[in-house]
Structures are given as C-alpha cells and as structure tokens.
Amino acid sequence: MKEISFGITKKKSLYEYQQKDINQIFERIDKNPVNYNLLYQLPTGGGKTVVFSNITQRYIRETSKKVLILTHRIELCDQTSRMLKEFEVPNKIINSKIKELPDQDEYNCFVAMVETLNNRLNEDKLELEQIGLIIIDEAHYNSFRKLFKFFENCFILGVTATPLSSNVKLPMKESYDELLVGETISELIKKRVLAKAITYNHDIRLGALKVGMNGDYTVKSSEELYTNSSMLHKLQYAYEERAKNTKTLIFNNGITTSIFVADTFNKVGYPTRHLDNTHGKTERKEILEWFKKTPNAILSSVSILTTGFDEPSIETIIINRATKSLTLYFQMIGRGSRVLPSKSEFTVIDLGNNFARFGPWESEIDWQKIFKSPDFYINNLISDEEIEKQFRYKMSEELRARFKNTLDIEFDVKRIYKQVMSEGSKSKVVLEKSIAQHSQMCVENSEDVFDARELAKLLKDDIEYRIRQYCFCIINNTKNYKDWLQEDYMRKLRLSFNNKFN
C-alpha cells in the first residue's frame, strides 16, 4: 500500500462540535468489534462531508487500512472526492467507466456509486482489498443495504441528517447497532453555522392527493392539484407577498408542475428556469451556473436539488408540494440554510401544509426515539384531515374592501354549532344563520340584486371553509355531501336577495 503523508489544509478547519463528534466516533471504532454498524446524525449544512473526510484521513493514518465511501449520486461522488483532496487524502472514484482496479494499491480511499459498485462486485469484476471502514453518505437511502454482505468484517459508519429510512418496511435500526446524534439545528443557528428560517405557511386543501406505495403523495395526484390555475396564482401571490426580488429555489412534485411554475413566473417577467433529472450533465451545469450568477433568479426544480447541492446565495425556499417524508422536508429547507456574511436568515414559504405536519424546521426532535420506534412516529403524524380542521379562513384586504359597509364579517361555525345544539335545534340551523349573515353582507354593499349576486360569487372560499367546518362538527366529510351542501348554500344565498331591494 502506498505511503501517504497527511496534513489538513488550512482551507478546512473543524468546529468544536465536529471535533467532539469525530472523537466519539473513534471511541466506537476502538471499543466495538470490526463488524459494528454506527449511524451518525448531523443536520444538513452541519458539515457531514467535512466530518467524514477528517475521519477518513485519521482512520487511514492510525490503522493503515483503507476506506470506502459510498454515495447514491455521481454529483455526491465528485463532491466527496474534492473534499477528501482538501484533506490531502488521495482517492479514486469508482464510476460506470471503471471496470477493474489494477491500480488499487496506489490508493487508500475509494469513492463509489452504490449501484456501480454493486454491479462490479456481483460480476466479480473487482475485489476491494484491505478495506477496514465503510462510510455511507445519505445513509437513510436503503439502496446501500445490498452491499453490506460484501463487507461483513468492516466497521460501517452511516451518515445522515435524518435517521429515518426512506423505506418504512426497512427501518434503520435493522441495519445499524447504534445512533450517535450530533448538534441540533437550533444550536447550529446560535453558532452562526446555519441561517435562521423565517417560515410562512399557507393553508392548502390536500383532499385530492393520493398516497402511493412508498407512503408519500403520488406525482399524478400532486400534478393535478398544483398545475391548476388557482394554485399557480396562489404560488405567484405568495412569492410576490414575501419573497419578491430574492434568489428563490422552488421544489415541486412532478416535472409538469415545475414547467408550469417556470412558465407562470416567466410570463410576468421574473427570471426563471426549470430543472429536473432528465436534463443532461452539461445542461444542468449551465442552469445552475445561471442560477448562481443571476440576481433574483428563480429556479423551479423537481427533487434533484434536495441533496448534493450547495448555493449559499439562496434567499428563499418555496415548498410547492406536500410530502409525508420528514427527510425530504428537512432536505428542502436545508438548501437555503447556508450562511454568508450578509445572510443570517432566509425565507421559507410552505404551500403543502408541511409546517403543520412536521413543525418548525429548527424544532427539537428526539432522533433516538425515531430511530428505535420509526413506526410509532410515522403512524402518529398529524393527518391532512386534522390539519384542515385547524384552518382559519382570512378574507384578503382587497376582498374586504368590497364589503366595507359591513362591520363584522366573522362567523364561528364551531361556536354557533355548540350553541344551536345546546338549544335543542337541528344542526342545519347553523348554515341558515351563516346564509343570513352572508346575505346581509351582500345586501349592505350592493345597489341592486345583480350587484348582490356578483358579490356572493366572491364569497366562494369563505362558504367552502364554513361548510368544511360544519361537516367536521356533524362528522360527515364525504366529498359528495360537501359538494351538495355548497351548491345548496349558494342557491339559498341567491334566493335570499329577492325582495330586499326597492
């Protein structure tokens, strides 16, 4: 094995929390058997690549054994290889072009794509010798498990920001003996390692979304919701209200959605590009270079930039999708968390009820409990129905101006329902009272019946919200019933205007 002189370059110095974690990892390496599997958690932006590059350098120096680092994407291979060189660790990337390794004695470290290495090992095309440590980047992906059988006498270190398996049927506790938890997001914000997220969430009805085999919302149902004109308008409004003229990264669920989003923003003059995994390497590089150099650029993307992408100049993250994946939620927000001398905060706009489902990005999470009982965590996530129960309709300032002659536009469905039921009346009285109030609002702000009917159309969202709240109260949430109630409500509201104008 080639002798190598080590020395950390001045480019990468370690934070105190990183050095502490590295020391704890080596304590596990020293005291446990060679086939021990350790999982290490550190938030996105906390410097996982720096940590395991330092571990690689130190392990080779102290043991004279070799290190294999596994990733699931070629971009991560290149990124890892560059970081290792900064730590003066010569390494070789095993990609699709590598069929054999006649020069492996010249290297102490290898970086490999999981699928490529799996194919070569199964084909008996190559055999990696003297490997003592396996490091797995983005370890929550289960594609790595297939390689464990080839390295049964190696210490395996999995590294992830979210120790929750991407496959609910294959929990991480079955692959790893122990979880070591690193610094929290809130602490990294205090240390100025990460920027603080300022989050704005919009209530989105997700009833039309369907959950697929992987436990998350399907692309097809997401595209149907997020490509309709109402959602595209809501997205544009949210951007203009909170993030106009900022460098913005938008995450979508589906290529069609992302293209629609880019078209929507381009039509009103905002510099916008679309990027997905069908773009070739050269085109992807050109788009990302454009995004980096263009002031106030907007990049509409699909999944591809959740890992291995680092652009500190991002000022706004827009989550234009819903997800049931805690990992994806953290990855998306993490893309905006890099700090700069002029950047200590960034904006997050949530258009998928993800904030209501998972809580604030920087909130404390008991990763040990999730590691030990992932099913309990997943099964106890708040449901879309429960989230929608907490929605509160708020009339826009523009619409409120159309009802300026009405002093009080509020109507508490739940309170009125309790009152009506305590009086022994039928539940439909709630809707009758609501119709009466809406009728008065329209009449007070109209000159004739025709004006009133036009105003009534503008109350569509308020009516829909009140009917949803009413259905929660009577425990009847079927779509057909709600649709019928809404049609009946509008019919009675229009009829209520008769004989109210002279």
Protein backbone atom coordinates (compact mmCIF):
# COMPACT_ATOMS: atom_id res chain seq x y z
CA MET A 1 0.00 0.00 0.00
CA LYS A 2 1.36 3.38 -0.99
CA GLU A 3 2.76 5.51 1.82
CA ILE A 4 0.92 8.83 2.14
CA SER A 5 1.87 11.94 4.06
CA PHE A 6 -1.17 13.53 5.70
CA GLY A 7 -1.87 17.07 6.79
CA ILE A 8 -5.08 19.07 6.94
CA THR A 9 -5.03 22.07 4.67
CA LYS A 10 -5.85 25.47 6.09
CA LYS A 11 -8.96 25.63 3.93
CA LYS A 12 -10.98 23.40 6.23
CA SER A 13 -10.76 23.85 9.97
CA LEU A 14 -13.11 21.95 12.24
CA TYR A 15 -15.76 23.40 14.51
CA GLU A 16 -15.63 22.29 18.13
CA TYR A 17 -18.84 20.23 17.77
CA GLN A 18 -17.39 18.45 14.70
CA GLN A 19 -14.21 17.52 16.56
CA LYS A 20 -16.28 16.27 19.52
CA ASP A 21 -18.36 14.04 17.24
CA ILE A 22 -15.26 12.71 15.46
CA ASN A 23 -13.74 11.76 18.81
CA GLN A 24 -16.94 9.96 19.83
CA ILE A 25 -17.00 8.05 16.53
CA PHE A 26 -13.41 6.87 17.05
CA GLU A 27 -14.29 5.78 20.59
CA ARG A 28 -16.94 3.49 19.00
CA ILE A 29 -14.44 2.24 16.43
CA ASP A 30 -11.92 1.42 19.16
CA LYS A 31 -14.25 -0.33 21.62
CA ASN A 32 -16.55 -2.28 19.26
CA PRO A 33 -15.96 -5.30 17.02
CA VAL A 34 -14.84 -4.74 13.41
CA ASN A 35 -18.31 -5.55 12.06
CA TYR A 36 -20.08 -2.86 14.13
CA ASN A 37 -22.55 -0.56 12.34
CA LEU A 38 -22.80 3.02 13.65
CA LEU A 39 -25.26 5.65 12.38
CA TYR A 40 -24.29 9.32 12.78
CA GLN A 41 -26.81 12.17 12.52
CA LEU A 42 -25.90 15.78 11.72
CA PRO A 43 -28.25 18.40 10.19
CA THR A 44 -27.97 19.49 6.57
CA GLY A 45 -25.36 22.25 6.48
CA GLY A 46 -23.63 20.99 9.62
CA GLY A 47 -20.64 19.75 7.62
CA LYS A 48 -21.11 15.99 7.33
CA THR A 49 -18.69 15.74 4.39
CA VAL A 50 -16.04 17.64 6.35
CA VAL A 51 -16.55 15.30 9.32
CA PHE A 52 -16.25 12.04 7.43
CA SER A 53 -13.35 13.35 5.30
CA ASN A 54 -11.46 14.05 8.53
CA ILE A 55 -12.44 10.61 9.83
CA THR A 56 -11.12 9.04 6.63
CA GLN A 57 -7.76 10.79 6.95
CA ARG A 58 -7.38 9.90 10.61
CA TYR A 59 -8.53 6.28 10.18
CA ILE A 60 -6.04 5.58 7.38
CA ARG A 61 -3.24 7.19 9.37
CA GLU A 62 -4.00 5.31 12.60
CA THR A 63 -4.89 1.85 11.23
CA SER A 64 -3.08 1.59 7.86
CA LYS A 65 -6.34 0.17 6.49
CA LYS A 66 -8.34 1.54 3.57
CA VAL A 67 -11.64 3.42 3.49
CA LEU A 68 -14.55 3.04 1.07
CA ILE A 69 -17.10 5.88 0.83
CA LEU A 70 -20.47 5.13 -0.77
CA THR A 71 -22.90 7.63 -2.29
CA HIS A 72 -26.11 7.30 -4.31
CA ARG A 73 -25.43 10.01 -6.91
CA ILE A 74 -22.49 10.85 -9.15
CA GLU A 75 -22.59 14.51 -8.06
CA LEU A 76 -22.03 13.40 -4.47
CA CYS A 77 -19.10 11.25 -5.58
CA ASP A 78 -17.40 14.24 -7.18
CA GLN A 79 -18.18 16.49 -4.21
CA THR A 80 -16.82 13.94 -1.73
CA SER A 81 -13.68 13.33 -3.79
CA ARG A 82 -12.92 17.07 -3.89
CA MET A 83 -13.36 17.39 -0.12
CA LEU A 84 -11.04 14.42 0.52
CA LYS A 85 -8.35 16.08 -1.59
CA GLU A 86 -8.67 19.20 0.56
CA PHE A 87 -7.82 16.93 3.49
CA GLU A 88 -4.90 15.58 1.41
CA VAL A 89 -6.46 12.13 1.03
CA PRO A 90 -5.73 10.78 -2.48
CA ASN A 91 -8.76 8.86 -3.66
CA LYS A 92 -10.21 7.13 -6.68
CA ILE A 93 -13.82 7.35 -7.88
CA ILE A 94 -15.37 4.06 -8.96
CA ASN A 95 -17.93 5.11 -11.56
CA SER A 96 -19.55 3.41 -14.55
CA LYS A 97 -16.34 3.79 -16.60
CA ILE A 98 -14.31 1.76 -14.11
CA LYS A 99 -14.45 -1.96 -14.88
CA GLU A 100 -11.40 -3.13 -12.95
CA LEU A 101 -8.94 -1.70 -10.43
CA PRO A 102 -5.41 -2.73 -11.42
CA ASP A 103 -4.06 0.37 -9.64
CA GLN A 104 -5.88 -0.03 -6.32
CA ASP A 105 -2.60 -0.43 -4.41
CA GLU A 106 -1.91 3.22 -5.18
CA TYR A 107 -4.96 4.40 -3.22
CA ASN A 108 -6.03 4.23 0.42
CA CYS A 109 -9.52 5.57 -0.24
CA PHE A 110 -12.24 4.87 -2.81
CA VAL A 111 -15.45 6.76 -3.52
CA ALA A 112 -18.15 4.73 -5.26
CA MET A 113 -21.67 4.93 -6.58
CA VAL A 114 -23.66 2.23 -4.82
CA GLU A 115 -25.24 0.77 -7.97
CA THR A 116 -21.96 0.76 -9.91
CA LEU A 117 -20.04 -0.94 -7.11
CA ASN A 118 -22.82 -3.46 -6.55
CA ASN A 119 -22.72 -4.42 -10.25
CA ARG A 120 -18.93 -4.81 -10.28
CA LEU A 121 -18.87 -6.91 -7.12
CA ASN A 122 -21.66 -9.18 -8.31
CA GLU A 123 -19.93 -9.60 -11.67
CA ASP A 124 -16.67 -10.47 -9.85
CA LYS A 125 -15.02 -7.75 -11.92
CA LEU A 126 -13.15 -6.30 -8.96
CA GLU A 127 -12.30 -7.05 -5.36
CA LEU A 128 -11.50 -4.29 -2.92
CA GLU A 129 -8.74 -5.32 -0.55
CA GLN A 130 -7.76 -4.19 2.94
CA ILE A 131 -10.96 -2.16 3.47
CA GLY A 132 -11.50 -1.53 7.18
CA LEU A 133 -14.04 1.30 7.21
CA ILE A 134 -17.15 1.85 5.07
CA ILE A 135 -18.68 5.33 5.16
CA ILE A 136 -22.19 5.71 3.73
CA ASP A 137 -23.34 9.21 2.81
CA GLU A 138 -27.10 9.91 2.91
CA ALA A 139 -27.48 6.61 4.76
CA HIS A 140 -31.28 6.84 5.02
CA TYR A 141 -31.47 5.55 1.43
CA ASN A 142 -31.90 1.77 1.57
CA SER A 143 -30.05 1.06 -1.66
CA PHE A 144 -26.86 0.64 0.41
CA ARG A 145 -28.06 -2.45 2.28
CA LYS A 146 -27.34 -4.70 -0.69
CA LEU A 147 -23.60 -4.03 -0.28
CA PHE A 148 -23.33 -4.97 3.39
CA LYS A 149 -22.84 -8.67 2.56
CA PHE A 150 -19.58 -7.87 0.73
CA PHE A 151 -18.06 -6.11 3.75
CA GLU A 152 -19.08 -8.21 6.74
CA ASN A 153 -15.76 -7.64 8.53
CA CYS A 154 -15.72 -3.87 8.21
CA PHE A 155 -16.81 -1.08 10.54
CA ILE A 156 -19.73 0.65 8.83
CA LEU A 157 -20.43 4.34 9.50
CA GLY A 158 -23.72 5.64 8.09
CA VAL A 159 -24.09 9.43 7.90
CA THR A 160 -27.41 11.25 7.53
CA ALA A 161 -29.28 14.38 8.53
CA THR A 162 -32.43 12.37 9.19
CA PRO A 163 -32.07 8.83 10.61
CA LEU A 164 -35.46 7.76 9.27
CA SER A 165 -35.43 5.16 6.50
CA SER A 166 -36.73 6.08 3.03
CA ASN A 167 -38.46 2.69 3.10
CA VAL A 168 -40.84 2.24 6.04
CA LYS A 169 -40.53 -1.54 5.69
CA LEU A 170 -36.77 -1.40 6.27
CA PRO A 171 -36.16 0.61 9.47
CA MET A 172 -32.63 1.81 10.09
CA LYS A 173 -32.44 0.06 13.45
CA GLU A 174 -32.26 -3.22 11.50
CA SER A 175 -29.09 -2.06 9.69
CA TYR A 176 -27.31 -0.15 12.45
CA ASP A 177 -26.41 -1.10 16.01
CA GLU A 178 -26.39 2.43 17.42
CA LEU A 179 -27.30 6.04 16.62
CA LEU A 180 -24.95 8.89 17.52
CA VAL A 181 -26.75 12.26 17.45
CA GLY A 182 -24.80 15.40 16.59
CA GLU A 183 -25.52 19.10 17.11
CA THR A 184 -29.12 20.33 16.73
CA ILE A 185 -30.31 22.81 14.12
CA SER A 186 -31.16 25.39 16.80
CA GLU A 187 -27.63 25.16 18.24
CA LEU A 188 -26.07 25.47 14.80
CA ILE A 189 -28.15 28.61 14.22
CA LYS A 190 -26.88 30.06 17.52
CA LYS A 191 -23.31 29.24 16.46
CA ARG A 192 -23.91 31.03 13.12
CA VAL A 193 -23.21 27.81 11.23
CA LEU A 194 -26.74 27.82 9.81
CA ALA A 195 -29.07 30.68 8.90
CA LYS A 196 -32.42 31.08 10.64
CA ALA A 197 -35.56 30.12 8.71
CA ILE A 198 -38.44 32.62 8.68
CA THR A 199 -41.42 30.48 7.66
CA TYR A 200 -44.76 31.47 6.14
CA ASN A 201 -47.30 28.72 5.64
CA HIS A 202 -50.47 28.87 3.56
CA ASP A 203 -53.45 26.61 4.25
CA ILE A 204 -53.82 24.21 1.32
CA ARG A 205 -56.62 21.68 0.89
CA LEU A 206 -54.96 18.37 0.07
CA GLY A 207 -58.07 16.21 -0.14
CA ALA A 208 -57.43 15.42 -3.81
CA LEU A 209 -53.96 13.98 -3.12
CA LYS A 210 -53.42 10.24 -3.07
CA VAL A 211 -50.73 8.32 -1.18
CA GLY A 212 -48.65 5.84 -3.18
CA MET A 213 -46.83 2.61 -2.35
CA ASN A 214 -43.84 4.49 -0.95
CA GLY A 215 -46.01 6.21 1.66
CA ASP A 216 -45.83 9.66 0.06
CA TYR A 217 -48.19 11.59 -2.20
CA THR A 218 -48.22 10.41 -5.81
CA VAL A 219 -46.82 12.59 -8.57
CA LYS A 220 -50.01 12.22 -10.62
CA SER A 221 -52.36 13.50 -7.92
CA SER A 222 -49.91 16.26 -6.96
CA GLU A 223 -49.68 17.45 -10.55
CA GLU A 224 -53.46 17.63 -10.83
CA LEU A 225 -53.59 19.90 -7.78
CA TYR A 226 -50.50 22.06 -8.30
CA THR A 227 -50.94 22.75 -12.02
CA ASN A 228 -54.43 24.22 -11.70
CA SER A 229 -54.71 27.98 -12.19
CA SER A 230 -55.81 28.60 -8.60
CA MET A 231 -52.66 27.01 -7.12
CA LEU A 232 -50.37 28.70 -9.64
CA HIS A 233 -51.96 32.04 -8.76
CA LYS A 234 -51.54 31.29 -5.05
CA LEU A 235 -47.87 30.46 -5.62
CA GLN A 236 -47.24 33.70 -7.51
CA TYR A 237 -49.09 35.70 -4.86
CA ALA A 238 -47.08 34.06 -2.05
CA TYR A 239 -43.81 34.87 -3.82
CA GLU A 240 -44.77 38.48 -4.51
CA GLU A 241 -46.02 38.97 -0.96
CA ARG A 242 -43.00 37.53 0.89
CA ALA A 243 -40.08 36.95 -1.46
CA LYS A 244 -40.21 39.27 -4.45
CA ASN A 245 -36.77 40.08 -5.88
CA THR A 246 -34.95 37.39 -3.89
CA LYS A 247 -32.96 34.41 -5.18
CA THR A 248 -35.54 31.64 -4.92
CA LEU A 249 -35.50 27.86 -5.18
CA ILE A 250 -38.88 26.17 -5.72
CA PHE A 251 -39.45 22.47 -5.03
CA ASN A 252 -42.25 20.70 -6.91
CA ASN A 253 -43.58 17.15 -7.11
CA GLY A 254 -43.62 16.43 -10.83
CA ILE A 255 -41.91 17.72 -13.98
CA THR A 256 -45.12 19.10 -15.49
CA THR A 257 -45.76 21.16 -12.36
CA SER A 258 -42.24 22.59 -12.44
CA ILE A 259 -42.57 23.57 -16.10
CA PHE A 260 -45.96 25.22 -15.42
CA VAL A 261 -44.40 27.12 -12.50
CA ALA A 262 -41.48 28.37 -14.59
CA ASP A 263 -43.86 29.48 -17.37
CA THR A 264 -46.07 31.30 -14.84
CA PHE A 265 -43.17 33.33 -13.47
CA ASN A 266 -41.58 33.98 -16.87
CA LYS A 267 -44.85 35.37 -18.24
CA VAL A 268 -44.83 38.14 -15.64
CA GLY A 269 -41.18 38.97 -16.21
CA TYR A 270 -39.32 37.16 -13.41
CA PRO A 271 -36.03 35.48 -14.46
CA THR A 272 -36.92 31.79 -14.08
CA ARG A 273 -35.53 28.41 -15.25
CA HIS A 274 -36.72 24.83 -14.82
CA LEU A 275 -34.50 21.88 -13.84
CA ASP A 276 -35.23 18.18 -13.44
CA ASN A 277 -33.35 14.87 -13.63
CA THR A 278 -33.93 14.49 -17.40
CA HIS A 279 -31.51 17.36 -18.08
CA GLY A 280 -28.06 16.23 -19.19
CA LYS A 281 -24.95 16.95 -17.14
CA THR A 282 -23.84 19.85 -19.36
CA GLU A 283 -27.28 21.49 -19.40
CA ARG A 284 -27.68 21.01 -15.65
CA LYS A 285 -24.32 22.67 -15.06
CA GLU A 286 -25.29 25.60 -17.29
CA ILE A 287 -28.63 26.11 -15.50
CA LEU A 288 -27.02 26.00 -12.05
CA GLU A 289 -24.33 28.44 -13.19
CA TRP A 290 -27.07 30.77 -14.46
CA PHE A 291 -28.87 30.47 -11.12
CA LYS A 292 -25.69 31.28 -9.22
CA LYS A 293 -24.80 34.37 -11.26
CA THR A 294 -28.27 35.85 -11.94
CA PRO A 295 -29.54 38.32 -9.32
CA ASN A 296 -33.03 37.47 -8.00
CA ALA A 297 -33.11 34.30 -10.11
CA ILE A 298 -35.91 31.76 -9.60
CA LEU A 299 -35.17 28.06 -10.14
CA SER A 300 -38.12 25.68 -10.35
CA SER A 301 -36.98 22.11 -9.68
CA VAL A 302 -38.10 18.53 -9.11
CA SER A 303 -36.32 16.55 -6.34
CA ILE A 304 -32.90 16.75 -7.97
CA LEU A 305 -31.54 19.53 -5.73
CA THR A 306 -32.51 18.03 -2.36
CA THR A 307 -29.01 16.56 -1.84
CA GLY A 308 -25.52 17.41 -3.01
CA PHE A 309 -26.42 20.99 -3.92
CA ASP A 310 -24.90 23.94 -2.14
CA GLU A 311 -25.73 27.52 -3.15
CA PRO A 312 -25.35 29.91 -0.19
CA SER A 313 -26.85 32.87 -2.08
CA ILE A 314 -30.35 31.32 -1.93
CA GLU A 315 -32.62 33.67 0.00
CA THR A 316 -35.99 31.93 -0.34
CA ILE A 317 -37.15 28.32 -0.40
CA ILE A 318 -40.68 27.67 -1.69
CA ILE A 319 -42.07 24.19 -0.96
CA ASN A 320 -44.68 23.98 -3.71
CA ARG A 321 -45.71 20.47 -2.79
CA ALA A 322 -46.90 18.32 0.07
CA THR A 323 -44.84 15.46 1.47
CA LYS A 324 -45.16 12.88 4.23
CA SER A 325 -41.37 12.48 4.31
CA LEU A 326 -39.65 14.17 7.23
CA THR A 327 -36.32 13.61 5.45
CA LEU A 328 -37.46 15.43 2.32
CA TYR A 329 -38.89 18.28 4.41
CA PHE A 330 -35.53 18.83 6.09
CA GLN A 331 -33.56 18.45 2.87
CA MET A 332 -35.63 21.04 1.01
CA ILE A 333 -35.42 23.68 3.72
CA GLY A 334 -31.74 22.91 4.30
CA ARG A 335 -30.89 24.13 0.79
CA GLY A 336 -31.44 27.70 1.98
CA SER A 337 -29.71 27.42 5.33
CA ARG A 338 -26.12 28.24 4.28
CA VAL A 339 -24.80 31.40 5.92
CA LEU A 340 -22.98 34.33 4.33
CA PRO A 341 -21.51 37.47 5.94
CA SER A 342 -24.61 39.31 4.68
CA LYS A 343 -27.06 36.47 5.31
CA SER A 344 -28.21 35.27 8.72
CA GLU A 345 -31.83 34.50 7.78
CA PHE A 346 -33.71 33.03 4.86
CA THR A 347 -37.38 32.76 3.94
CA VAL A 348 -39.41 29.55 3.66
CA ILE A 349 -42.83 29.59 2.00
CA ASP A 350 -44.79 26.39 2.59
CA LEU A 351 -47.60 25.55 0.16
CA GLY A 352 -48.19 21.96 1.26
CA ASN A 353 -49.18 22.05 4.96
CA ASN A 354 -45.73 20.62 5.72
CA PHE A 355 -45.11 23.09 8.56
CA ALA A 356 -48.34 21.95 10.22
CA ARG A 357 -47.38 18.29 9.72
CA PHE A 358 -43.75 18.34 10.91
CA GLY A 359 -43.41 21.55 12.89
CA PRO A 360 -40.72 24.24 12.59
CA TRP A 361 -37.51 23.20 10.83
CA GLU A 362 -35.40 24.19 13.83
CA SER A 363 -37.58 22.48 16.47
CA GLU A 364 -36.06 19.84 18.73
CA ILE A 365 -36.51 16.25 17.51
CA ASP A 366 -35.90 13.10 19.55
CA TRP A 367 -33.92 11.21 16.90
CA GLN A 368 -33.18 8.36 19.30
CA LYS A 369 -36.89 7.71 19.73
CA ILE A 370 -37.46 7.85 15.96
CA PHE A 371 -34.52 5.50 15.39
CA LYS A 372 -35.87 2.97 17.89
CA SER A 373 -39.58 3.33 17.02
CA PRO A 374 -39.96 4.69 13.46
CA ASP A 375 -43.40 3.10 13.03
CA PHE A 376 -44.73 4.92 16.07
CA TYR A 377 -43.52 8.25 14.70
CA ILE A 378 -44.89 7.68 11.19
CA ASN A 379 -48.25 6.38 12.40
CA ASN A 380 -48.70 9.38 14.68
CA LEU A 381 -48.07 12.09 12.12
CA ILE A 382 -50.97 14.51 12.09
CA SER A 383 -53.40 13.65 9.28
CA ASP A 384 -54.45 16.00 6.49
CA GLU A 385 -57.97 15.99 7.90
CA GLU A 386 -56.74 17.07 11.34
CA ILE A 387 -54.59 19.77 9.76
CA GLU A 388 -57.55 21.13 7.79
CA LYS A 389 -59.63 21.28 10.95
CA GLN A 390 -57.21 23.94 12.19
CA PHE A 391 -57.51 26.08 9.05
CA ARG A 392 -58.81 29.60 9.55
CA TYR A 393 -60.23 31.50 6.60
CA LYS A 394 -58.97 35.04 6.33
CA MET A 395 -60.52 37.40 3.82
CA SER A 396 -57.94 39.27 1.73
CA GLU A 397 -57.68 43.04 2.14
CA GLU A 398 -58.79 43.50 -1.48
CA LEU A 399 -61.94 41.44 -0.93
CA ARG A 400 -62.61 43.00 2.47
CA ALA A 401 -62.78 46.39 0.76
CA ARG A 402 -65.72 45.11 -1.30
CA PHE A 403 -67.64 44.61 1.99
CA LYS A 404 -66.59 47.88 3.63
CA ASN A 405 -70.13 48.70 4.78
CA THR A 406 -70.22 45.58 6.98
CA LEU A 407 -68.58 45.98 10.36
CA ASP A 408 -68.40 42.31 11.40
CA ILE A 409 -67.73 39.58 8.83
CA GLU A 410 -66.71 36.86 11.32
CA PHE A 411 -68.74 33.68 11.82
CA ASP A 412 -67.51 30.98 14.22
CA VAL A 413 -69.09 27.77 12.94
CA LYS A 414 -67.94 25.63 15.88
CA ARG A 415 -69.25 28.09 18.48
CA ILE A 416 -72.59 28.54 16.69
CA TYR A 417 -72.92 24.75 16.32
CA LYS A 418 -72.46 24.23 20.07
CA GLN A 419 -74.96 26.97 20.78
CA VAL A 420 -77.56 25.56 18.37
CA MET A 421 -77.19 22.02 19.71
CA SER A 422 -77.45 23.21 23.34
CA GLU A 423 -80.76 24.88 22.40
CA GLY A 424 -82.07 21.58 21.05
CA SER A 425 -82.29 22.84 17.46
CA LYS A 426 -81.27 20.93 14.33
CA SER A 427 -77.73 21.29 13.04
CA LYS A 428 -78.92 22.80 9.73
CA VAL A 429 -79.78 25.98 11.68
CA VAL A 430 -76.02 26.71 11.68
CA LEU A 431 -76.00 27.01 7.89
CA GLU A 432 -79.21 29.04 7.93
CA LYS A 433 -77.57 31.57 10.27
CA SER A 434 -74.49 31.63 8.08
CA ILE A 435 -76.54 32.24 4.93
CA ALA A 436 -78.40 35.05 6.69
CA GLN A 437 -75.12 36.75 7.61
CA HIS A 438 -73.66 36.39 4.11
CA SER A 439 -76.91 37.69 2.65
CA GLN A 440 -76.76 40.78 4.85
CA MET A 441 -73.13 41.38 3.85
CA CYS A 442 -74.01 41.28 0.15
CA VAL A 443 -77.11 43.49 0.53
CA GLU A 444 -75.30 46.11 2.63
CA ASN A 445 -72.66 46.52 -0.06
CA SER A 446 -74.82 46.41 -3.22
CA GLU A 447 -77.14 48.75 -5.06
CA ASP A 448 -79.36 46.07 -6.54
CA VAL A 449 -79.92 42.34 -6.66
CA PHE A 450 -77.49 41.94 -9.55
CA ASP A 451 -74.65 43.51 -7.54
CA ALA A 452 -75.52 41.24 -4.61
CA ARG A 453 -75.31 38.12 -6.76
CA GLU A 454 -71.89 39.16 -8.06
CA LEU A 455 -70.66 39.75 -4.51
CA ALA A 456 -71.98 36.34 -3.48
CA LYS A 457 -69.66 34.71 -6.03
CA LEU A 458 -66.70 36.33 -4.30
CA LEU A 459 -67.63 34.56 -1.05
CA LYS A 460 -66.89 31.13 -2.55
CA ASP A 461 -63.80 30.44 -0.41
CA ASP A 462 -65.49 31.66 2.78
CA ILE A 463 -68.55 29.50 2.06
CA GLU A 464 -66.35 26.48 1.32
CA TYR A 465 -64.48 27.00 4.59
CA ARG A 466 -67.69 27.31 6.65
CA ILE A 467 -69.14 24.15 5.10
CA ARG A 468 -65.94 22.25 5.85
CA GLN A 469 -66.10 23.35 9.48
CA TYR A 470 -69.78 22.40 9.64
CA CYS A 471 -69.03 18.93 8.22
CA PHE A 472 -66.31 18.41 10.83
CA CYS A 473 -68.89 19.24 13.51
CA ILE A 474 -71.50 16.78 12.24
CA ILE A 475 -68.83 14.17 11.38
CA ASN A 476 -69.79 13.84 7.73
CA ASN A 477 -66.85 14.64 5.48
CA THR A 478 -67.74 12.85 2.26
CA LYS A 479 -66.90 14.87 -0.84
CA ASN A 480 -70.32 14.37 -2.45
CA TYR A 481 -72.09 15.65 0.65
CA LYS A 482 -69.87 18.73 0.91
CA ASP A 483 -70.32 19.47 -2.80
CA TRP A 484 -74.10 19.20 -2.45
CA LEU A 485 -74.11 21.47 0.63
CA GLN A 486 -72.09 24.09 -1.21
CA GLU A 487 -74.44 24.10 -4.20
CA ASP A 488 -77.49 24.27 -1.92
CA TYR A 489 -75.87 27.08 0.11
CA MET A 490 -75.23 29.21 -2.97
CA ARG A 491 -78.76 28.61 -4.28
CA LYS A 492 -80.34 29.71 -0.99
CA LEU A 493 -77.99 32.70 -0.75
CA ARG A 494 -79.00 33.96 -4.20
CA LEU A 495 -82.70 33.48 -3.39
CA SER A 496 -82.29 35.44 -0.16
CA PHE A 497 -81.70 38.64 -2.14
CA ASN A 498 -85.25 38.66 -3.58
CA ASN A 499 -87.49 41.45 -2.23
CA LYS A 500 -84.56 43.05 -0.35
CA PHE A 501 -84.09 45.86 -2.85
CA ASN A 502 -86.69 48.51 -3.73
